[in-house]
């Protein structure tokens, strides 16, 4: 019997049992985290009700100060005055309790603490929901807030009406390339070099499904050499994406150049089962009237601005306001012409 025990390979069983224990510990941790976050919401909500009920009494102004001392003495530092005030704020800003069970299952209290300083309720909800969906850790959440992901989304949503419905989830306008750290004066090759140096960040800015293929793609057409700045592939669209970088304002001639590249790619590079290649012209400045008159999107070409720095908060708000006005004007024109 002892020989049989010695010969038995217990390592596989041990690994399986260890995996079960780790899964169980993880589930317990998630459950505990969710329970704690929901508890904090309920505490904040109850205190807020008490403050509102007694807001005209002297007691009402000091409820948090008084109750936090007693709670901290009994339950520890999690219930100090600073954290109690966070709980009250939490219940106010996430007043729709129905969304909390989903969020709290994936976000820790530390996630919410990172979100609290944001001034906009819409921004708080955006970062909370995205952090839950994308399973962001605290570091990534901080990074997304620092990169002003919410403001980028606002800009993209205003501009997205310019894009065909099937491309709205793939392309946007503008692309914010502040991570390139380019100064006021730079050449086209500097822009391309900076993008390649920060390729991972650039692909993240492009969006999901993009894979880098080649830079300065050489095309020999009629004995002449042409070079495409950047060539990507998009898995979702199942097509090649040609990107041209332009330092200045969009010009009508850019369309003809991109059309030539797309036809060449379609003839020589498109694989069996792929859709027709599509082009993206990135310009420092758009030219909305020319783009509209050329009906450039009908030829599979997108035009978008790139910003090498994120504007200041005031400038960004002005820009968003201007974009919104322009969007409404174009929608009105399209409605009249329909």
Protein backbone atom coordinates (compact mmCIF):
# COMPACT_ATOMS: atom_id res chain seq x y z
CA UNK A 1 0.00 0.00 0.00
CA UNK A 2 2.85 2.39 0.88
CA UNK A 3 4.50 1.65 -2.48
CA UNK A 4 1.29 2.56 -4.28
CA UNK A 5 1.16 5.85 -2.34
CA UNK A 6 4.81 6.61 -3.17
CA UNK A 7 4.25 5.88 -6.86
CA UNK A 8 1.10 8.00 -7.04
CA UNK A 9 1.77 11.29 -8.79
CA UNK A 10 0.07 13.79 -6.49
CA UNK A 11 1.43 16.90 -8.21
CA UNK A 12 -1.46 17.19 -10.66
CA UNK A 13 -4.00 16.88 -7.82
CA UNK A 14 -2.10 19.47 -5.80
CA UNK A 15 -2.13 21.90 -8.76
CA UNK A 16 -5.87 21.42 -9.30
CA UNK A 17 -6.64 21.92 -5.60
CA UNK A 18 -4.41 25.01 -5.50
CA UNK A 19 -6.24 26.47 -8.50
CA UNK A 20 -9.59 25.90 -6.79
CA UNK A 21 -8.36 27.55 -3.60
CA UNK A 22 -6.99 30.56 -5.51
CA UNK A 23 -10.28 30.93 -7.41
CA UNK A 24 -12.17 30.73 -4.14
CA UNK A 25 -9.94 33.33 -2.50
CA UNK A 26 -10.40 35.61 -5.50
CA UNK A 27 -14.18 35.24 -5.36
CA UNK A 28 -14.17 35.93 -1.62
CA UNK A 29 -12.02 39.03 -2.19
CA UNK A 30 -14.34 40.28 -4.95
CA UNK A 31 -17.41 39.62 -2.79
CA UNK A 32 -15.84 41.35 0.23
CA UNK A 33 -14.80 44.32 -1.90
CA UNK A 34 -18.27 44.63 -3.41
CA UNK A 35 -19.94 44.33 0.01
CA UNK A 36 -17.64 46.98 1.50
CA UNK A 37 -18.24 49.45 -1.36
CA UNK A 38 -22.01 49.01 -1.15
CA UNK A 39 -21.82 49.41 2.64
CA UNK A 40 -19.98 52.72 2.19
CA UNK A 41 -22.70 53.90 -0.21
CA UNK A 42 -25.47 53.00 2.27
CA UNK A 43 -23.64 54.71 5.12
CA UNK A 44 -23.11 57.86 3.05
CA UNK A 45 -26.71 57.85 1.91
CA UNK A 46 -28.06 57.46 5.44
CA UNK A 47 -25.81 60.23 6.81
CA UNK A 48 -26.80 62.49 3.93
CA UNK A 49 -30.49 61.93 4.74
CA UNK A 50 -29.80 62.82 8.37
CA UNK A 51 -27.90 65.98 7.40
CA UNK A 52 -30.70 67.11 5.08
CA UNK A 53 -33.32 66.40 7.76
CA UNK A 54 -31.45 68.50 10.31
CA UNK A 55 -29.83 71.02 7.99
CA UNK A 56 -31.28 74.02 9.87
CA UNK A 57 -30.19 72.78 13.29
CA UNK A 58 -26.70 73.23 14.70
CA UNK A 59 -26.52 69.44 14.97
CA UNK A 60 -27.05 69.13 11.21
CA UNK A 61 -23.86 71.04 10.44
CA UNK A 62 -21.81 68.85 12.78
CA UNK A 63 -23.32 65.41 12.13
CA UNK A 64 -20.39 64.12 10.08
CA UNK A 65 -17.83 65.48 12.52
CA UNK A 66 -19.61 63.92 15.52
CA UNK A 67 -20.54 60.56 14.01
CA UNK A 68 -17.12 59.98 12.39
CA UNK A 69 -15.36 60.23 15.79
CA UNK A 70 -17.66 57.59 17.27
CA UNK A 71 -17.45 55.29 14.23
CA UNK A 72 -13.65 55.55 14.03
CA UNK A 73 -13.32 54.74 17.75
CA UNK A 74 -15.40 51.61 17.30
CA UNK A 75 -14.50 50.41 13.78
CA UNK A 76 -11.12 51.90 12.92
CA UNK A 77 -9.53 54.30 10.44
CA UNK A 78 -11.80 53.37 7.51
CA UNK A 79 -14.43 55.45 9.25
CA UNK A 80 -12.47 58.63 9.96
CA UNK A 81 -14.01 61.98 9.04
CA UNK A 82 -12.26 62.22 5.67
CA UNK A 83 -13.55 58.83 4.56
CA UNK A 84 -17.05 59.47 5.94
CA UNK A 85 -17.21 62.65 3.86
CA UNK A 86 -16.17 60.59 0.85
CA UNK A 87 -19.00 58.15 1.55
CA UNK A 88 -21.53 60.99 1.68
CA UNK A 89 -20.17 62.35 -1.58
CA UNK A 90 -20.23 58.85 -3.06
CA UNK A 91 -23.95 58.46 -2.33
CA UNK A 92 -24.67 61.89 -3.82
CA UNK A 93 -22.68 61.50 -7.03
CA UNK A 94 -23.65 57.88 -7.67
CA UNK A 95 -27.27 58.45 -6.69
CA UNK A 96 -28.53 55.71 -9.04
CA UNK A 97 -27.98 52.74 -6.74
CA UNK A 98 -29.03 50.28 -9.48
CA UNK A 99 -25.69 50.65 -11.33
CA UNK A 100 -23.57 50.13 -8.21
CA UNK A 101 -23.72 46.33 -7.84
CA UNK A 102 -22.18 45.95 -11.32
CA UNK A 103 -19.52 48.59 -10.68
CA UNK A 104 -18.67 47.47 -7.15
CA UNK A 105 -18.13 43.88 -8.35
CA UNK A 106 -15.15 45.08 -10.42
CA UNK A 107 -14.01 48.31 -8.77
CA UNK A 108 -12.44 48.76 -5.37
CA UNK A 109 -13.08 51.65 -3.01
CA UNK A 110 -9.65 52.95 -4.10
CA UNK A 111 -10.99 53.26 -7.67
CA UNK A 112 -13.79 55.51 -6.48
CA UNK A 113 -11.37 57.60 -4.40
CA UNK A 114 -9.40 58.31 -7.61
CA UNK A 115 -12.60 59.40 -9.36
CA UNK A 116 -14.00 61.66 -6.61
CA UNK A 117 -11.82 64.75 -7.37
CA UNK A 118 -13.25 65.01 -10.90
CA UNK A 119 -15.68 67.91 -11.14
CA UNK A 120 -18.11 66.55 -13.73
CA UNK A 121 -20.62 63.87 -12.70
CA UNK A 122 -20.62 62.65 -16.31
CA UNK A 123 -16.83 62.23 -16.16
CA UNK A 124 -17.07 60.28 -12.89
CA UNK A 125 -19.61 57.87 -14.36
CA UNK A 126 -17.59 57.51 -17.56
CA UNK A 127 -14.37 56.55 -15.76
CA UNK A 128 -16.17 54.23 -13.35
CA UNK A 129 -17.97 52.39 -16.15
CA UNK A 130 -14.89 52.20 -18.39
CA UNK A 131 -12.72 50.99 -15.51
CA UNK A 132 -15.25 48.22 -14.83
CA UNK A 133 -15.61 47.27 -18.51
CA UNK A 134 -11.88 47.34 -19.31
CA UNK A 135 -10.80 45.96 -15.90
CA UNK A 136 -8.46 48.90 -15.22
CA UNK A 137 -6.22 48.79 -12.20
CA UNK A 138 -5.62 51.93 -10.15
CA UNK A 139 -2.52 52.85 -12.17
CA UNK A 140 -4.33 52.55 -15.50
CA UNK A 141 -7.29 54.54 -14.17
CA UNK A 142 -4.91 57.34 -13.14
CA UNK A 143 -3.30 57.18 -16.57
CA UNK A 144 -6.65 57.44 -18.35
CA UNK A 145 -7.68 60.43 -16.22
CA UNK A 146 -4.31 62.10 -16.88
CA UNK A 147 -4.77 61.52 -20.64
CA UNK A 148 -8.21 63.16 -20.41
CA UNK A 149 -9.97 60.17 -21.95
CA UNK A 150 -13.38 61.62 -21.10
CA UNK A 151 -12.65 64.91 -22.90
CA UNK A 152 -11.31 62.97 -25.90
CA UNK A 153 -14.53 60.98 -25.99
CA UNK A 154 -16.63 64.17 -25.92
CA UNK A 155 -14.72 65.60 -28.88
CA UNK A 156 -14.96 62.35 -30.82
CA UNK A 157 -18.72 62.06 -30.20
CA UNK A 158 -19.38 65.58 -31.51
CA UNK A 159 -17.36 64.89 -34.65
CA UNK A 160 -18.55 61.32 -35.23
CA UNK A 161 -21.66 62.37 -37.17
CA UNK A 162 -19.30 63.10 -40.09
CA UNK A 163 -18.45 59.41 -40.37
CA UNK A 164 -20.43 56.63 -42.06
CA UNK A 165 -22.39 54.60 -39.51
CA UNK A 166 -20.32 51.44 -39.97
CA UNK A 167 -17.06 53.34 -39.29
CA UNK A 168 -18.08 55.38 -36.23
CA UNK A 169 -16.64 52.83 -33.80
CA UNK A 170 -13.36 52.62 -35.73
CA UNK A 171 -12.39 56.16 -36.73
CA UNK A 172 -12.67 59.54 -35.01
CA UNK A 173 -11.78 63.18 -35.40
CA UNK A 174 -9.54 64.58 -34.00
CA UNK A 175 -6.75 62.24 -32.93
CA UNK A 176 -4.97 63.68 -29.90
CA UNK A 177 -1.24 62.90 -30.12
CA UNK A 178 -0.04 64.81 -27.07
CA UNK A 179 2.02 61.80 -26.00
CA UNK A 180 4.42 62.49 -28.91
CA UNK A 181 5.80 65.56 -27.06
CA UNK A 182 6.35 67.49 -30.29
CA UNK A 183 7.27 71.16 -30.06
CA UNK A 184 5.82 73.98 -32.16
CA UNK A 185 8.13 73.41 -35.13
CA UNK A 186 8.61 69.94 -36.57
CA UNK A 187 8.83 68.26 -39.96
CA UNK A 188 6.68 65.50 -41.39
CA UNK A 189 9.44 62.96 -40.81
CA UNK A 190 9.68 64.12 -37.18
CA UNK A 191 5.97 63.40 -36.77
CA UNK A 192 6.35 59.95 -38.33
CA UNK A 193 9.42 59.14 -36.23
CA UNK A 194 7.65 60.23 -33.05
CA UNK A 195 4.64 58.03 -33.89
CA UNK A 196 6.87 55.01 -34.49
CA UNK A 197 8.73 55.69 -31.25
CA UNK A 198 5.41 55.80 -29.38
CA UNK A 199 3.72 53.18 -31.56
CA UNK A 200 1.86 51.46 -28.73
CA UNK A 201 0.32 54.75 -27.56
CA UNK A 202 -0.52 55.68 -31.15
CA UNK A 203 -2.32 52.37 -31.72
CA UNK A 204 -4.27 52.92 -28.49
CA UNK A 205 -5.29 56.35 -29.78
CA UNK A 206 -6.37 54.84 -33.11
CA UNK A 207 -8.64 52.40 -31.30
CA UNK A 208 -9.30 48.67 -31.07
CA UNK A 209 -8.41 46.21 -33.79
CA UNK A 210 -5.48 48.06 -35.40
CA UNK A 211 -2.24 46.21 -36.15
CA UNK A 212 0.87 47.97 -37.50
CA UNK A 213 2.25 46.55 -40.74
CA UNK A 214 4.74 48.87 -42.39
CA UNK A 215 6.17 52.40 -42.60
CA UNK A 216 7.10 54.18 -45.84
CA UNK A 217 5.41 51.47 -47.89
CA UNK A 218 7.08 51.58 -51.31
CA UNK A 219 4.85 51.51 -54.38
CA UNK A 220 6.22 51.54 -57.94
CA UNK A 221 3.54 52.96 -60.23
CA UNK A 222 4.30 53.67 -63.86
CA UNK A 223 8.01 53.60 -63.17
CA UNK A 224 7.75 56.18 -60.35
CA UNK A 225 8.35 55.51 -56.67
CA UNK A 226 5.68 56.46 -54.13
CA UNK A 227 5.85 56.01 -50.36
CA UNK A 228 2.86 55.58 -48.06
CA UNK A 229 3.60 56.94 -44.57
CA UNK A 230 2.00 54.20 -42.47
CA UNK A 231 0.16 50.99 -43.25
CA UNK A 232 -2.09 49.27 -40.71
CA UNK A 233 -4.58 46.42 -40.76
CA UNK A 234 -7.89 46.52 -38.91
CA UNK A 235 -9.16 43.12 -37.77
CA UNK A 236 -12.72 44.29 -37.20
CA UNK A 237 -13.07 45.86 -40.66
CA UNK A 238 -10.93 43.12 -42.28
CA UNK A 239 -9.14 45.64 -44.45
CA UNK A 240 -5.85 47.48 -44.86
CA UNK A 241 -5.77 51.03 -43.52
CA UNK A 242 -3.44 53.48 -45.26
CA UNK A 243 -2.45 56.54 -43.19
CA UNK A 244 -0.94 59.70 -44.64
CA UNK A 245 0.44 62.43 -42.37
CA UNK A 246 0.13 66.08 -43.44
CA UNK A 247 1.66 69.00 -41.57
CA UNK A 248 -0.69 71.73 -42.77
CA UNK A 249 -4.29 72.16 -43.77
CA UNK A 250 -6.13 69.56 -45.83
CA UNK A 251 -5.86 70.12 -49.59
CA UNK A 252 -8.00 68.65 -52.35
CA UNK A 253 -4.84 67.14 -53.92
CA UNK A 254 -4.47 64.87 -50.90
CA UNK A 255 -7.56 62.98 -52.03
CA UNK A 256 -6.05 62.07 -55.41
CA UNK A 257 -2.84 60.90 -53.78
CA UNK A 258 -4.70 58.64 -51.35
CA UNK A 259 -6.97 57.26 -54.10
CA UNK A 260 -3.87 56.20 -56.02
CA UNK A 261 -2.43 54.44 -52.98
CA UNK A 262 -5.70 52.63 -52.23
CA UNK A 263 -6.04 51.37 -55.81
CA UNK A 264 -2.47 50.05 -55.71
CA UNK A 265 -3.03 48.37 -52.35
CA UNK A 266 -6.26 46.82 -53.63
CA UNK A 267 -4.48 45.41 -56.68
CA UNK A 268 -1.23 44.19 -55.10
CA UNK A 269 -1.68 43.85 -51.33
CA UNK A 270 -5.30 42.96 -50.59
CA UNK A 271 -5.55 39.32 -49.53
CA UNK A 272 -8.36 36.96 -50.44
CA UNK A 273 -11.41 37.52 -48.22
CA UNK A 274 -10.40 41.04 -47.20
CA UNK A 275 -12.48 44.13 -47.85
CA UNK A 276 -11.25 47.05 -49.94
CA UNK A 277 -8.46 49.12 -48.33
CA UNK A 278 -9.47 52.36 -46.65
CA UNK A 279 -7.49 55.57 -46.21
CA UNK A 280 -7.03 57.99 -43.31
CA UNK A 281 -5.49 61.40 -43.99
CA UNK A 282 -4.28 62.99 -40.76
CA UNK A 283 -3.87 66.77 -41.09
CA UNK A 284 -2.82 69.46 -38.66
CA UNK A 285 -5.95 71.33 -39.71
CA UNK A 286 -9.10 70.20 -41.49
CA UNK A 287 -10.95 71.92 -44.31
CA UNK A 288 -14.57 71.03 -43.75
CA UNK A 289 -16.05 72.72 -46.81
CA UNK A 290 -13.60 71.12 -49.25
CA UNK A 291 -14.05 67.72 -47.60
CA UNK A 292 -17.85 68.02 -47.85
CA UNK A 293 -17.75 69.13 -51.52
CA UNK A 294 -15.37 66.32 -52.47
CA UNK A 295 -17.62 63.73 -50.76
CA UNK A 296 -14.38 62.06 -49.88
CA UNK A 297 -15.85 59.31 -47.73
CA UNK A 298 -17.63 57.79 -50.72
CA UNK A 299 -14.17 56.82 -51.99
CA UNK A 300 -13.23 55.09 -48.76
CA UNK A 301 -11.14 57.97 -47.41
CA UNK A 302 -11.41 59.52 -43.95
CA UNK A 303 -9.93 62.92 -43.08
CA UNK A 304 -9.20 63.87 -39.47
CA UNK A 305 -7.20 66.46 -37.59
CA UNK A 306 -4.44 65.56 -35.18
CA UNK A 307 -3.62 67.66 -32.12
CA UNK A 308 -0.08 67.46 -30.79
CA UNK A 309 -1.16 68.82 -27.41
CA UNK A 310 -4.31 68.80 -25.34
CA UNK A 311 -5.69 72.35 -25.05
CA UNK A 312 -6.07 73.97 -21.65
CA UNK A 313 -9.37 73.38 -19.90
CA UNK A 314 -10.77 76.75 -20.99
CA UNK A 315 -9.54 76.36 -24.57
CA UNK A 316 -10.92 72.83 -24.69
CA UNK A 317 -14.36 73.99 -23.56
CA UNK A 318 -14.32 76.72 -26.23
CA UNK A 319 -13.25 74.16 -28.84
CA UNK A 320 -16.02 71.76 -27.79
CA UNK A 321 -18.54 74.59 -27.96
CA UNK A 322 -17.37 75.59 -31.45
CA UNK A 323 -17.43 71.97 -32.67
CA UNK A 324 -20.97 71.59 -31.33
CA UNK A 325 -22.13 74.71 -33.20
CA UNK A 326 -20.51 73.47 -36.43
CA UNK A 327 -22.07 70.04 -35.97
CA UNK A 328 -25.55 71.52 -35.55
CA UNK A 329 -25.08 73.73 -38.61
CA UNK A 330 -24.04 70.78 -40.79
CA UNK A 331 -26.90 68.63 -39.53
CA UNK A 332 -29.31 71.47 -40.41
CA UNK A 333 -27.79 71.77 -43.91
CA UNK A 334 -27.97 68.01 -44.46
CA UNK A 335 -31.62 68.02 -43.36
CA UNK A 336 -32.48 70.79 -45.85
CA UNK A 337 -30.65 69.01 -48.68
CA UNK A 338 -32.25 65.65 -47.94
